[in-house]
Structures are given as structure tokens and as C-alpha cells.
Amino acid sequence: MLAEQIRTFIAIELDDALRRALAETQAQFQRERVARLVRWVAPANIHVTLKFLGDVDADMLPALERALVEARAGIAPFTLTIAGAGAFPNTRKPNVLWVGARGQVEIATRLAQRIEEACAALDLPREARAFSPHLTLGRVRREASPEERRAIGAMVEHAQVGTLGELHVARVSVMRSELRPTGSVYARLYAVDLQ
């Protein structure tokens, strides 16, 4: 019998204060006409992705937890400052709108690299893009024209998104993602504390 497949990612979860600040930032954007061309992420679902795994066999989760415990060795809790807005790949052709992370980014990057190596040792595919800590606010709809995309990019460039708060990172969570018609629903499978 085939093992259950669980759509999985590894993330840093946010506290309620940051979620409220992000919701206010989204509301600021949503006052703009072009905002209707963006699928906004529910504030409860916003997080910092350290590694997206996709479908993973349920029976692999214990090995993944052990790998995470090893990956976090020697990494103490750290703080990221959540501030500024941008778009991937850029504001001329935006696909993803985000709020950035500053502060102890090098520690977050080292943690993400260690998780990447630990997952590779379990024969999980490597991430093609370099880790860039951010919080996804929304995704531009496929049907948006090049002109509309430029207008969305201009909206992001002109937004005054200052410091929204501090993200105190003390643990890493393995999350389950269920795709539903109303959008993705996330649930923590387990968390590993930083040392």
C-alpha cells in the first residue's frame, strides 16, 4: 500500500502582532485599483518559508524531524526585523508581492542552508533559487496584462512600508498545506526549537 502523500514545507511562523501589522499593510495596498489583480494571502497563512518540500511520504516525517534537529544544532534563537516591500522577480514584472526581512538575515540564511543540506541527504529535491527571507503578501493573477503588472509594481514601489515589527525566531515548524477551493489551509505537523 502506498504511503499517504503530505504537501509539506518548513517555515518560521509569525506571532499575532506581526500578522495584524501585515493585514494592515495588505489593507493599505487593497485601497489601490490594481489590487483587485492580486490574490492576497490570508494573514493567518503568512510565514517565512525556509524550504518548500511539496508532496512527501507521511512515513518520511520522522526522518525529516531528525534531520531538522541536526540542522538546527548550534543555531541560537535570533531576530528578524520585518520591513519594506518589494516584488519577485522585480517591480517591472511582479508575480509575488512581499514584505522583507532585515537584521540577523545571515543566521536565517545559514539555517535555511543547513535545512537544504539535511533535506538533500534524505533525497529530497534541492531548491533552485537562493534563499531570500520574505513574507508573501499576495500573488499577481495570471490574467494581469503587462501594463497592469507595471501598475502593480509602481504601487509597491510607492508604498511606504516601514518597520512592521520584530520576528523572534525560536523554532522551526514543519507545516502541512492542504489545497482547497477557498485557498490553502496550513497546519503545523511539529516544531523543532532552536538551541
C-alpha atoms as a PDB file:
ATOM      1  CA  MET A   1       0.000   0.000   0.000  1.00  0.00           C
ATOM      2  CA  LEU A   2       1.302   3.458  -0.924  1.00  0.00           C
ATOM      3  CA  ALA A   3       2.149   5.874   1.881  1.00  0.00           C
ATOM      4  CA  GLU A   4      -0.016   8.951   2.285  1.00  0.00           C
ATOM      5  CA  GLN A   5       1.429  11.990   0.498  1.00  0.00           C
ATOM      6  CA  ILE A   6       1.506  15.199   2.538  1.00  0.00           C
ATOM      7  CA  ARG A   7       2.170  18.564   0.876  1.00  0.00           C
ATOM      8  CA  THR A   8       4.832  19.932   3.209  1.00  0.00           C
ATOM      9  CA  PHE A   9       7.039  22.947   3.835  1.00  0.00           C
ATOM     10  CA  ILE A  10       9.406  24.112   6.578  1.00  0.00           C
ATOM     11  CA  ALA A  11       8.745  27.593   7.932  1.00  0.00           C
ATOM     12  CA  ILE A  12       9.148  30.227  10.586  1.00  0.00           C
ATOM     13  CA  GLU A  13       5.703  31.047  11.970  1.00  0.00           C
ATOM     14  CA  LEU A  14       4.651  34.574  12.974  1.00  0.00           C
ATOM     15  CA  ASP A  15       3.078  35.957  16.127  1.00  0.00           C
ATOM     16  CA  ASP A  16      -0.344  37.651  16.143  1.00  0.00           C
ATOM     17  CA  ALA A  17       1.072  41.190  16.377  1.00  0.00           C
ATOM     18  CA  LEU A  18       3.032  40.721  13.149  1.00  0.00           C
ATOM     19  CA  ARG A  19       0.029  39.145  11.430  1.00  0.00           C
ATOM     20  CA  ARG A  20      -2.063  42.218  12.364  1.00  0.00           C
ATOM     21  CA  ALA A  21       0.638  44.557  11.016  1.00  0.00           C
ATOM     22  CA  LEU A  22       0.773  42.568   7.758  1.00  0.00           C
ATOM     23  CA  ALA A  23      -3.035  42.665   7.460  1.00  0.00           C
ATOM     24  CA  GLU A  24      -2.871  46.474   7.815  1.00  0.00           C
ATOM     25  CA  THR A  25      -0.194  46.616   5.105  1.00  0.00           C
ATOM     26  CA  GLN A  26      -2.362  44.493   2.794  1.00  0.00           C
ATOM     27  CA  ALA A  27      -5.333  46.794   3.509  1.00  0.00           C
ATOM     28  CA  GLN A  28      -3.161  49.779   2.538  1.00  0.00           C
ATOM     29  CA  PHE A  29      -2.409  48.122  -0.830  1.00  0.00           C
ATOM     30  CA  GLN A  30      -6.013  46.985  -1.302  1.00  0.00           C
ATOM     31  CA  ARG A  31      -7.198  50.614  -1.460  1.00  0.00           C
ATOM     32  CA  GLU A  32      -5.463  50.829  -4.870  1.00  0.00           C
ATOM     33  CA  ARG A  33      -7.450  49.998  -8.023  1.00  0.00           C
ATOM     34  CA  VAL A  34      -4.892  47.452  -9.328  1.00  0.00           C
ATOM     35  CA  ALA A  35      -5.068  45.486  -6.049  1.00  0.00           C
ATOM     36  CA  ARG A  36      -8.015  43.503  -7.469  1.00  0.00           C
ATOM     37  CA  LEU A  37      -5.453  41.780  -9.746  1.00  0.00           C
ATOM     38  CA  VAL A  38      -3.670  40.295  -6.716  1.00  0.00           C
ATOM     39  CA  ARG A  39      -4.673  37.116  -4.837  1.00  0.00           C
ATOM     40  CA  TRP A  40      -3.932  38.205  -1.268  1.00  0.00           C
ATOM     41  CA  VAL A  41      -2.591  35.647   1.225  1.00  0.00           C
ATOM     42  CA  ALA A  42      -4.739  35.320   4.360  1.00  0.00           C
ATOM     43  CA  PRO A  43      -2.736  36.924   7.222  1.00  0.00           C
ATOM     44  CA  ALA A  44      -3.074  33.688   9.243  1.00  0.00           C
ATOM     45  CA  ASN A  45      -1.171  31.894   6.435  1.00  0.00           C
ATOM     46  CA  ILE A  46       1.763  34.318   6.139  1.00  0.00           C
ATOM     47  CA  HIS A  47       5.129  32.858   7.224  1.00  0.00           C
ATOM     48  CA  VAL A  48       8.819  32.777   6.259  1.00  0.00           C
ATOM     49  CA  THR A  49       9.412  29.707   4.096  1.00  0.00           C
ATOM     50  CA  LEU A  50      12.753  28.046   4.805  1.00  0.00           C
ATOM     51  CA  LYS A  51      12.153  25.126   2.419  1.00  0.00           C
ATOM     52  CA  PHE A  52       9.207  24.026   0.300  1.00  0.00           C
ATOM     53  CA  LEU A  53       9.161  20.227   0.036  1.00  0.00           C
ATOM     54  CA  GLY A  54       5.980  19.521  -1.912  1.00  0.00           C
ATOM     55  CA  ASP A  55       4.447  16.060  -1.567  1.00  0.00           C
ATOM     56  CA  VAL A  56       6.317  13.944   0.984  1.00  0.00           C
ATOM     57  CA  ASP A  57       5.533  10.378   2.092  1.00  0.00           C
ATOM     58  CA  ALA A  58       3.947  10.507   5.561  1.00  0.00           C
ATOM     59  CA  ASP A  59       6.312   7.748   6.730  1.00  0.00           C
ATOM     60  CA  MET A  60       9.276  10.039   5.951  1.00  0.00           C
ATOM     61  CA  LEU A  61       8.217  12.661   8.519  1.00  0.00           C
ATOM     62  CA  PRO A  62      10.137  11.110  11.480  1.00  0.00           C
ATOM     63  CA  ALA A  63      13.383  11.109   9.429  1.00  0.00           C
ATOM     64  CA  LEU A  64      12.684  14.713   8.422  1.00  0.00           C
ATOM     65  CA  GLU A  65      12.251  15.668  12.090  1.00  0.00           C
ATOM     66  CA  ARG A  66      15.591  14.010  12.985  1.00  0.00           C
ATOM     67  CA  ALA A  67      17.269  15.846  10.076  1.00  0.00           C
ATOM     68  CA  LEU A  68      15.865  19.172  11.319  1.00  0.00           C
ATOM     69  CA  VAL A  69      17.118  18.518  14.848  1.00  0.00           C
ATOM     70  CA  GLU A  70      20.617  18.020  13.377  1.00  0.00           C
ATOM     71  CA  ALA A  71      20.318  21.029  11.037  1.00  0.00           C
ATOM     72  CA  ARG A  72      19.482  23.438  13.875  1.00  0.00           C
ATOM     73  CA  ALA A  73      22.461  22.357  16.028  1.00  0.00           C
ATOM     74  CA  GLY A  74      24.423  25.368  17.225  1.00  0.00           C
ATOM     75  CA  ILE A  75      21.910  27.913  15.915  1.00  0.00           C
ATOM     76  CA  ALA A  76      20.569  30.024  18.754  1.00  0.00           C
ATOM     77  CA  PRO A  77      17.277  31.934  18.583  1.00  0.00           C
ATOM     78  CA  PHE A  78      17.589  35.118  16.508  1.00  0.00           C
ATOM     79  CA  THR A  79      15.581  38.167  15.466  1.00  0.00           C
ATOM     80  CA  LEU A  80      14.478  39.461  12.079  1.00  0.00           C
ATOM     81  CA  THR A  81      13.121  42.963  11.542  1.00  0.00           C
ATOM     82  CA  ILE A  82      10.131  42.885   9.189  1.00  0.00           C
ATOM     83  CA  ALA A  83      10.223  45.970   6.972  1.00  0.00           C
ATOM     84  CA  GLY A  84       9.961  47.264   3.411  1.00  0.00           C
ATOM     85  CA  ALA A  85       8.074  45.908   0.406  1.00  0.00           C
ATOM     86  CA  GLY A  86       9.083  44.506  -2.964  1.00  0.00           C
ATOM     87  CA  ALA A  87       8.191  42.061  -5.711  1.00  0.00           C
ATOM     88  CA  PHE A  88       9.632  38.936  -7.310  1.00  0.00           C
ATOM     89  CA  PRO A  89      11.165  38.751  -9.824  1.00  0.00           C
ATOM     90  CA  ASN A  90      11.073  42.598  -9.882  1.00  0.00           C
ATOM     91  CA  THR A  91       8.608  45.512  -9.855  1.00  0.00           C
ATOM     92  CA  ARG A  92       8.541  45.741 -13.690  1.00  0.00           C
ATOM     93  CA  LYS A  93       7.061  42.225 -13.988  1.00  0.00           C
ATOM     94  CA  PRO A  94       5.810  41.365 -10.495  1.00  0.00           C
ATOM     95  CA  ASN A  95       4.500  37.869  -9.753  1.00  0.00           C
ATOM     96  CA  VAL A  96       4.802  37.893  -5.954  1.00  0.00           C
ATOM     97  CA  LEU A  97       4.399  40.874  -3.609  1.00  0.00           C
ATOM     98  CA  TRP A  98       6.335  40.645  -0.359  1.00  0.00           C
ATOM     99  CA  VAL A  99       7.482  42.342   2.819  1.00  0.00           C
ATOM    100  CA  GLY A 100      11.171  41.903   3.552  1.00  0.00           C
ATOM    101  CA  ALA A 101      13.270  40.795   6.494  1.00  0.00           C
ATOM    102  CA  ARG A 102      16.341  42.581   7.830  1.00  0.00           C
ATOM    103  CA  GLY A 103      18.521  42.158  10.880  1.00  0.00           C
ATOM    104  CA  GLN A 104      20.025  38.727  11.549  1.00  0.00           C
ATOM    105  CA  VAL A 105      19.385  37.552   7.979  1.00  0.00           C
ATOM    106  CA  GLU A 106      22.744  35.742   7.816  1.00  0.00           C
ATOM    107  CA  ILE A 107      21.593  33.425  10.652  1.00  0.00           C
ATOM    108  CA  ALA A 108      18.292  32.731   8.851  1.00  0.00           C
ATOM    109  CA  THR A 109      20.276  32.036   5.662  1.00  0.00           C
ATOM    110  CA  ARG A 110      22.629  29.642   7.472  1.00  0.00           C
ATOM    111  CA  LEU A 111      19.624  27.846   8.979  1.00  0.00           C
ATOM    112  CA  ALA A 112      17.967  27.568   5.542  1.00  0.00           C
ATOM    113  CA  GLN A 113      21.211  26.236   4.009  1.00  0.00           C
ATOM    114  CA  ARG A 114      21.552  23.609   6.744  1.00  0.00           C
ATOM    115  CA  ILE A 115      17.924  22.563   6.234  1.00  0.00           C
ATOM    116  CA  GLU A 116      18.579  22.381   2.476  1.00  0.00           C
ATOM    117  CA  GLU A 117      21.569  20.047   3.078  1.00  0.00           C
ATOM    118  CA  ALA A 118      19.634  17.904   5.581  1.00  0.00           C
ATOM    119  CA  CYS A 119      16.752  17.504   3.112  1.00  0.00           C
ATOM    120  CA  ALA A 120      19.151  16.711   0.244  1.00  0.00           C
ATOM    121  CA  ALA A 121      20.617  13.915   2.414  1.00  0.00           C
ATOM    122  CA  LEU A 122      17.067  12.473   2.519  1.00  0.00           C
ATOM    123  CA  ASP A 123      16.960  12.587  -1.303  1.00  0.00           C
ATOM    124  CA  LEU A 124      14.501  15.490  -1.307  1.00  0.00           C
ATOM    125  CA  PRO A 125      14.958  17.868  -4.265  1.00  0.00           C
ATOM    126  CA  ARG A 126      17.133  20.948  -3.837  1.00  0.00           C
ATOM    127  CA  GLU A 127      15.716  24.462  -4.139  1.00  0.00           C
ATOM    128  CA  ALA A 128      16.710  26.107  -7.440  1.00  0.00           C
ATOM    129  CA  ARG A 129      16.614  29.673  -6.074  1.00  0.00           C
ATOM    130  CA  ALA A 130      18.827  31.156  -3.370  1.00  0.00           C
ATOM    131  CA  PHE A 131      17.115  31.682  -0.008  1.00  0.00           C
ATOM    132  CA  SER A 132      15.727  35.200   0.375  1.00  0.00           C
ATOM    133  CA  PRO A 133      13.800  35.711   3.639  1.00  0.00           C
ATOM    134  CA  HIS A 134      10.463  37.380   2.935  1.00  0.00           C
ATOM    135  CA  LEU A 135       6.760  37.255   3.781  1.00  0.00           C
ATOM    136  CA  THR A 136       4.474  36.785   0.770  1.00  0.00           C
ATOM    137  CA  LEU A 137       1.550  39.229   0.858  1.00  0.00           C
ATOM    138  CA  GLY A 138      -0.023  38.237  -2.443  1.00  0.00           C
ATOM    139  CA  ARG A 139       0.413  36.778  -5.922  1.00  0.00           C
ATOM    140  CA  VAL A 140      -0.415  38.649  -9.121  1.00  0.00           C
ATOM    141  CA  ARG A 141      -3.199  36.935 -11.063  1.00  0.00           C
ATOM    142  CA  ARG A 142      -2.103  35.195 -14.270  1.00  0.00           C
ATOM    143  CA  GLU A 143      -4.558  37.216 -16.352  1.00  0.00           C
ATOM    144  CA  ALA A 144      -2.935  40.551 -15.401  1.00  0.00           C
ATOM    145  CA  SER A 145      -1.635  42.302 -18.541  1.00  0.00           C
ATOM    146  CA  PRO A 146       1.935  43.667 -18.785  1.00  0.00           C
ATOM    147  CA  GLU A 147       0.548  47.208 -18.247  1.00  0.00           C
ATOM    148  CA  GLU A 148      -1.395  46.069 -15.172  1.00  0.00           C
ATOM    149  CA  ARG A 149       1.709  44.330 -13.834  1.00  0.00           C
ATOM    150  CA  ARG A 150       3.706  47.547 -14.235  1.00  0.00           C
ATOM    151  CA  ALA A 151       0.955  49.413 -12.356  1.00  0.00           C
ATOM    152  CA  ILE A 152       1.105  46.830  -9.541  1.00  0.00           C
ATOM    153  CA  GLY A 153       4.904  47.215  -9.447  1.00  0.00           C
ATOM    154  CA  ALA A 154       4.533  51.012  -9.243  1.00  0.00           C
ATOM    155  CA  MET A 155       2.059  50.553  -6.367  1.00  0.00           C
ATOM    156  CA  VAL A 156       4.698  48.514  -4.489  1.00  0.00           C
ATOM    157  CA  GLU A 157       7.490  50.997  -5.274  1.00  0.00           C
ATOM    158  CA  HIS A 158       5.440  53.949  -3.990  1.00  0.00           C
ATOM    159  CA  ALA A 159       4.184  52.177  -0.858  1.00  0.00           C
ATOM    160  CA  GLN A 160       5.594  53.491   2.395  1.00  0.00           C
ATOM    161  CA  VAL A 161       6.133  50.207   4.234  1.00  0.00           C
ATOM    162  CA  GLY A 162       8.319  50.935   7.237  1.00  0.00           C
ATOM    163  CA  THR A 163       9.207  48.595  10.084  1.00  0.00           C
ATOM    164  CA  LEU A 164       6.224  46.368  10.904  1.00  0.00           C
ATOM    165  CA  GLY A 165       7.793  44.619  13.877  1.00  0.00           C
ATOM    166  CA  GLU A 166      10.343  42.145  15.157  1.00  0.00           C
ATOM    167  CA  LEU A 167      10.139  38.426  14.444  1.00  0.00           C
ATOM    168  CA  HIS A 168      11.784  36.490  17.291  1.00  0.00           C
ATOM    169  CA  VAL A 169      12.744  33.128  15.809  1.00  0.00           C
ATOM    170  CA  ALA A 170      12.994  30.420  18.466  1.00  0.00           C
ATOM    171  CA  ARG A 171      11.752  27.402  16.494  1.00  0.00           C
ATOM    172  CA  VAL A 172      11.229  25.983  13.045  1.00  0.00           C
ATOM    173  CA  SER A 173       7.936  24.365  12.053  1.00  0.00           C
ATOM    174  CA  VAL A 174       7.143  21.583   9.623  1.00  0.00           C
ATOM    175  CA  MET A 175       3.823  22.535   8.057  1.00  0.00           C
ATOM    176  CA  ARG A 176       1.141  20.686   6.127  1.00  0.00           C
ATOM    177  CA  SER A 177      -0.508  22.518   3.235  1.00  0.00           C
ATOM    178  CA  GLU A 178      -3.929  21.419   2.038  1.00  0.00           C
ATOM    179  CA  LEU A 179      -5.103  22.932  -1.223  1.00  0.00           C
ATOM    180  CA  ARG A 180      -8.818  23.755  -1.077  1.00  0.00           C
ATOM    181  CA  PRO A 181     -11.093  25.684  -3.472  1.00  0.00           C
ATOM    182  CA  THR A 182     -11.148  28.551  -0.947  1.00  0.00           C
ATOM    183  CA  GLY A 183      -7.320  28.615  -0.752  1.00  0.00           C
ATOM    184  CA  SER A 184      -4.558  26.802   1.089  1.00  0.00           C
ATOM    185  CA  VAL A 185      -5.031  25.720   4.697  1.00  0.00           C
ATOM    186  CA  TYR A 186      -1.878  25.262   6.780  1.00  0.00           C
ATOM    187  CA  ALA A 187      -1.411  23.195   9.919  1.00  0.00           C
ATOM    188  CA  ARG A 188       1.738  22.624  11.967  1.00  0.00           C
ATOM    189  CA  LEU A 189       2.796  18.959  11.997  1.00  0.00           C
ATOM    190  CA  TYR A 190       5.571  19.577  14.547  1.00  0.00           C
ATOM    191  CA  ALA A 191       8.134  22.184  15.588  1.00  0.00           C
ATOM    192  CA  VAL A 192      11.838  21.972  16.450  1.00  0.00           C
ATOM    193  CA  ASP A 193      13.212  24.514  18.937  1.00  0.00           C
ATOM    194  CA  LEU A 194      16.455  26.335  18.206  1.00  0.00           C
ATOM    195  CA  GLN A 195      19.125  25.738  20.838  1.00  0.00           C
END
